[in-house]
Amino acid sequence: MEEARELKNPIIDRFLHDHYFEKACRCLDEGFEDAMQYVVGCGRSRMRSTNLLERLNQELRRREKVVRIFPNIASAIDSLGAC
């Protein structure tokens, strides 16, 4: 985890001031801890996922297929948030 943080910081420092990569760098910086929670400890670098997350994603896709086109972002959030 510490090694990942050390590798992340130079990348952000290098590209943060570039107009094309500014938003991506901010997203990486803000979501880093959340993204890294799936790294398995004990020296293994394998990513893991849970059945709960996979089931939620499947349910979201199923609901999205029924509606097909959402009129606005709020209606999409309402529909998908009802899971």
N, C-alpha and C. Protein backbone atom coordinates (compact mmCIF):
# COMPACT_ATOMS: atom_id res chain seq x y z
N MET A 1 0.82 -1.18 0.00
CA MET A 1 0.00 0.00 0.00
C MET A 1 0.87 1.26 0.00
N GLU A 2 1.91 1.23 0.83
CA GLU A 2 2.81 2.39 0.87
C GLU A 2 3.54 2.57 -0.46
N GLU A 3 3.93 1.46 -1.06
CA GLU A 3 4.61 1.52 -2.36
C GLU A 3 3.69 2.12 -3.43
N ALA A 4 2.42 1.75 -3.39
CA ALA A 4 1.45 2.30 -4.35
C ALA A 4 1.30 3.80 -4.16
N ARG A 5 1.26 4.25 -2.92
CA ARG A 5 1.17 5.70 -2.64
C ARG A 5 2.41 6.43 -3.15
N GLU A 6 3.57 5.81 -2.95
CA GLU A 6 4.82 6.44 -3.39
C GLU A 6 4.88 6.52 -4.92
N LEU A 7 4.30 5.55 -5.61
CA LEU A 7 4.28 5.57 -7.07
C LEU A 7 3.23 6.54 -7.61
N LYS A 8 2.14 6.72 -6.86
CA LYS A 8 1.06 7.61 -7.28
C LYS A 8 1.48 9.08 -7.24
N ASN A 9 2.17 9.48 -6.20
CA ASN A 9 2.49 10.90 -6.01
C ASN A 9 3.32 11.51 -7.14
N PRO A 10 4.38 10.86 -7.64
CA PRO A 10 5.11 11.47 -8.77
C PRO A 10 4.28 11.59 -10.04
N ILE A 11 3.38 10.65 -10.26
CA ILE A 11 2.52 10.72 -11.44
C ILE A 11 1.61 11.92 -11.34
N ILE A 12 1.01 12.11 -10.18
CA ILE A 12 0.11 13.25 -10.00
C ILE A 12 0.90 14.56 -10.10
N ASP A 13 2.07 14.63 -9.49
CA ASP A 13 2.88 15.85 -9.56
C ASP A 13 3.27 16.18 -11.00
N ARG A 14 3.53 15.16 -11.79
CA ARG A 14 3.98 15.38 -13.17
C ARG A 14 2.85 15.86 -14.08
N PHE A 15 1.65 15.30 -13.92
CA PHE A 15 0.57 15.56 -14.86
C PHE A 15 -0.53 16.48 -14.35
N LEU A 16 -0.51 16.87 -13.09
CA LEU A 16 -1.59 17.67 -12.51
C LEU A 16 -1.74 19.02 -13.21
N HIS A 17 -0.66 19.62 -13.62
CA HIS A 17 -0.72 20.96 -14.21
C HIS A 17 -0.94 20.94 -15.72
N ASP A 18 -1.05 19.75 -16.29
CA ASP A 18 -1.36 19.62 -17.71
C ASP A 18 -2.88 19.66 -17.87
N HIS A 19 -3.36 20.54 -18.73
CA HIS A 19 -4.80 20.75 -18.90
C HIS A 19 -5.53 19.46 -19.25
N TYR A 20 -4.94 18.61 -20.07
CA TYR A 20 -5.59 17.38 -20.52
C TYR A 20 -5.72 16.33 -19.41
N PHE A 21 -4.82 16.33 -18.46
CA PHE A 21 -4.79 15.29 -17.44
C PHE A 21 -5.20 15.78 -16.05
N GLU A 22 -5.58 17.03 -15.94
CA GLU A 22 -5.89 17.61 -14.63
C GLU A 22 -7.06 16.87 -13.95
N LYS A 23 -8.14 16.63 -14.69
CA LYS A 23 -9.31 15.97 -14.11
C LYS A 23 -8.98 14.52 -13.73
N ALA A 24 -8.22 13.83 -14.57
CA ALA A 24 -7.85 12.44 -14.27
C ALA A 24 -6.97 12.37 -13.02
N CYS A 25 -6.06 13.31 -12.88
CA CYS A 25 -5.19 13.32 -11.70
C CYS A 25 -5.98 13.57 -10.42
N ARG A 26 -6.93 14.48 -10.49
CA ARG A 26 -7.76 14.74 -9.32
C ARG A 26 -8.60 13.52 -8.96
N CYS A 27 -9.13 12.85 -9.99
CA CYS A 27 -9.92 11.63 -9.76
C CYS A 27 -9.06 10.54 -9.12
N LEU A 28 -7.85 10.38 -9.62
CA LEU A 28 -6.92 9.39 -9.06
C LEU A 28 -6.60 9.72 -7.61
N ASP A 29 -6.34 10.98 -7.32
CA ASP A 29 -5.97 11.39 -5.98
C ASP A 29 -7.13 11.21 -5.00
N GLU A 30 -8.33 11.61 -5.41
CA GLU A 30 -9.49 11.55 -4.52
C GLU A 30 -9.98 10.11 -4.31
N GLY A 31 -9.90 9.27 -5.33
CA GLY A 31 -10.43 7.93 -5.22
C GLY A 31 -9.40 6.85 -4.95
N PHE A 32 -8.19 7.24 -4.66
CA PHE A 32 -7.11 6.27 -4.49
C PHE A 32 -7.37 5.31 -3.34
N GLU A 33 -7.73 5.83 -2.17
CA GLU A 33 -7.94 4.96 -1.01
C GLU A 33 -9.11 4.01 -1.24
N ASP A 34 -10.19 4.51 -1.87
CA ASP A 34 -11.34 3.65 -2.15
C ASP A 34 -10.97 2.54 -3.13
N ALA A 35 -10.19 2.87 -4.14
CA ALA A 35 -9.80 1.88 -5.13
C ALA A 35 -8.85 0.84 -4.54
N MET A 36 -8.01 1.26 -3.64
CA MET A 36 -7.01 0.36 -3.07
C MET A 36 -7.57 -0.57 -1.99
N GLN A 37 -8.81 -0.38 -1.58
CA GLN A 37 -9.36 -1.25 -0.54
C GLN A 37 -9.56 -2.67 -1.02
N TYR A 38 -9.52 -2.89 -2.34
CA TYR A 38 -9.71 -4.23 -2.89
C TYR A 38 -8.40 -5.00 -3.07
N VAL A 39 -7.30 -4.38 -2.74
CA VAL A 39 -6.02 -5.08 -2.87
C VAL A 39 -5.90 -6.07 -1.72
N VAL A 40 -5.60 -7.29 -2.06
CA VAL A 40 -5.46 -8.33 -1.05
C VAL A 40 -4.13 -8.15 -0.35
N GLY A 41 -4.13 -8.25 0.96
CA GLY A 41 -2.92 -8.09 1.75
C GLY A 41 -2.02 -9.30 1.69
N CYS A 42 -1.10 -9.39 2.61
CA CYS A 42 -0.17 -10.51 2.76
C CYS A 42 0.76 -10.67 1.56
N GLY A 43 1.13 -9.59 0.90
CA GLY A 43 2.10 -9.67 -0.16
C GLY A 43 1.56 -10.07 -1.51
N ARG A 44 0.30 -10.44 -1.59
CA ARG A 44 -0.27 -10.80 -2.88
C ARG A 44 -0.81 -9.55 -3.56
N SER A 45 -0.69 -9.49 -4.87
CA SER A 45 -1.14 -8.31 -5.60
C SER A 45 -2.41 -8.58 -6.40
N ARG A 46 -3.11 -9.65 -6.06
CA ARG A 46 -4.33 -10.02 -6.77
C ARG A 46 -5.49 -9.14 -6.30
N MET A 47 -6.32 -8.72 -7.25
CA MET A 47 -7.49 -7.93 -6.91
C MET A 47 -8.62 -8.88 -6.52
N ARG A 48 -9.50 -8.43 -5.67
CA ARG A 48 -10.63 -9.27 -5.30
C ARG A 48 -11.93 -8.49 -5.43
N SER A 49 -12.99 -9.22 -5.55
CA SER A 49 -14.31 -8.64 -5.66
C SER A 49 -15.25 -9.52 -4.86
N THR A 50 -16.41 -9.02 -4.53
CA THR A 50 -17.35 -9.84 -3.78
C THR A 50 -18.56 -10.14 -4.64
N ASN A 51 -19.24 -11.18 -4.27
CA ASN A 51 -20.46 -11.55 -4.98
C ASN A 51 -21.52 -10.47 -4.84
N LEU A 52 -21.52 -9.77 -3.72
CA LEU A 52 -22.50 -8.71 -3.50
C LEU A 52 -22.35 -7.60 -4.53
N LEU A 53 -21.12 -7.20 -4.81
CA LEU A 53 -20.88 -6.16 -5.81
C LEU A 53 -21.26 -6.64 -7.20
N GLU A 54 -20.95 -7.88 -7.50
CA GLU A 54 -21.30 -8.42 -8.81
C GLU A 54 -22.81 -8.51 -8.97
N ARG A 55 -23.52 -8.88 -7.93
CA ARG A 55 -24.98 -8.97 -7.98
C ARG A 55 -25.58 -7.57 -8.15
N LEU A 56 -25.05 -6.59 -7.46
CA LEU A 56 -25.53 -5.22 -7.60
C LEU A 56 -25.33 -4.71 -9.03
N ASN A 57 -24.17 -4.96 -9.59
CA ASN A 57 -23.91 -4.55 -10.97
C ASN A 57 -24.86 -5.23 -11.94
N GLN A 58 -25.15 -6.51 -11.71
CA GLN A 58 -26.08 -7.24 -12.57
C GLN A 58 -27.48 -6.64 -12.48
N GLU A 59 -27.91 -6.28 -11.28
CA GLU A 59 -29.23 -5.68 -11.10
C GLU A 59 -29.30 -4.30 -11.75
N LEU A 60 -28.23 -3.52 -11.66
CA LEU A 60 -28.21 -2.21 -12.32
C LEU A 60 -28.31 -2.35 -13.83
N ARG A 61 -27.60 -3.30 -14.40
CA ARG A 61 -27.67 -3.52 -15.84
C ARG A 61 -29.08 -3.96 -16.26
N ARG A 62 -29.70 -4.81 -15.45
CA ARG A 62 -31.05 -5.28 -15.76
C ARG A 62 -32.04 -4.12 -15.77
N ARG A 63 -31.95 -3.24 -14.78
CA ARG A 63 -32.86 -2.09 -14.73
C ARG A 63 -32.58 -1.10 -15.85
N GLU A 64 -31.34 -0.96 -16.21
CA GLU A 64 -30.98 -0.03 -17.28
C GLU A 64 -31.53 -0.51 -18.62
N LYS A 65 -31.56 -1.82 -18.85
CA LYS A 65 -32.07 -2.35 -20.11
C LYS A 65 -33.57 -2.09 -20.27
N VAL A 66 -34.30 -2.08 -19.17
CA VAL A 66 -35.74 -1.86 -19.23
C VAL A 66 -36.04 -0.42 -19.66
N VAL A 67 -35.35 0.54 -19.08
CA VAL A 67 -35.61 1.95 -19.35
C VAL A 67 -34.98 2.39 -20.67
N ARG A 68 -33.80 1.91 -20.95
CA ARG A 68 -33.02 2.17 -22.17
C ARG A 68 -32.52 3.60 -22.27
N ILE A 69 -33.36 4.59 -22.19
CA ILE A 69 -32.92 5.99 -22.29
C ILE A 69 -33.48 6.75 -21.10
N PHE A 70 -32.60 7.35 -20.32
CA PHE A 70 -33.03 8.15 -19.19
C PHE A 70 -33.16 9.61 -19.64
N PRO A 71 -34.25 10.29 -19.28
CA PRO A 71 -34.44 11.67 -19.72
C PRO A 71 -33.44 12.64 -19.09
N ASN A 72 -32.97 12.34 -17.87
CA ASN A 72 -31.98 13.19 -17.23
C ASN A 72 -31.21 12.38 -16.18
N ILE A 73 -30.22 12.99 -15.61
CA ILE A 73 -29.37 12.29 -14.64
C ILE A 73 -30.15 11.92 -13.38
N ALA A 74 -31.03 12.81 -12.94
CA ALA A 74 -31.80 12.54 -11.72
C ALA A 74 -32.67 11.30 -11.87
N SER A 75 -33.29 11.12 -13.03
CA SER A 75 -34.13 9.93 -13.22
C SER A 75 -33.29 8.66 -13.25
N ALA A 76 -32.09 8.74 -13.80
CA ALA A 76 -31.20 7.58 -13.80
C ALA A 76 -30.79 7.21 -12.38
N ILE A 77 -30.45 8.20 -11.59
CA ILE A 77 -30.05 7.95 -10.21
C ILE A 77 -31.22 7.39 -9.41
N ASP A 78 -32.42 7.92 -9.61
CA ASP A 78 -33.60 7.41 -8.92
C ASP A 78 -33.86 5.95 -9.27
N SER A 79 -33.80 5.64 -10.55
CA SER A 79 -34.08 4.29 -10.99
C SER A 79 -33.02 3.31 -10.50
N LEU A 80 -31.77 3.67 -10.65
CA LEU A 80 -30.68 2.77 -10.26
C LEU A 80 -30.51 2.75 -8.76
N GLY A 81 -30.87 3.82 -8.08
CA GLY A 81 -30.75 3.87 -6.63
C GLY A 81 -31.81 3.08 -5.90
N ALA A 82 -32.84 2.62 -6.61
CA ALA A 82 -33.91 1.86 -5.99
C ALA A 82 -33.52 0.41 -5.71
N CYS A 83 -32.32 0.01 -6.11
CA CYS A 83 -31.88 -1.38 -5.91
C CYS A 83 -31.75 -1.71 -4.46
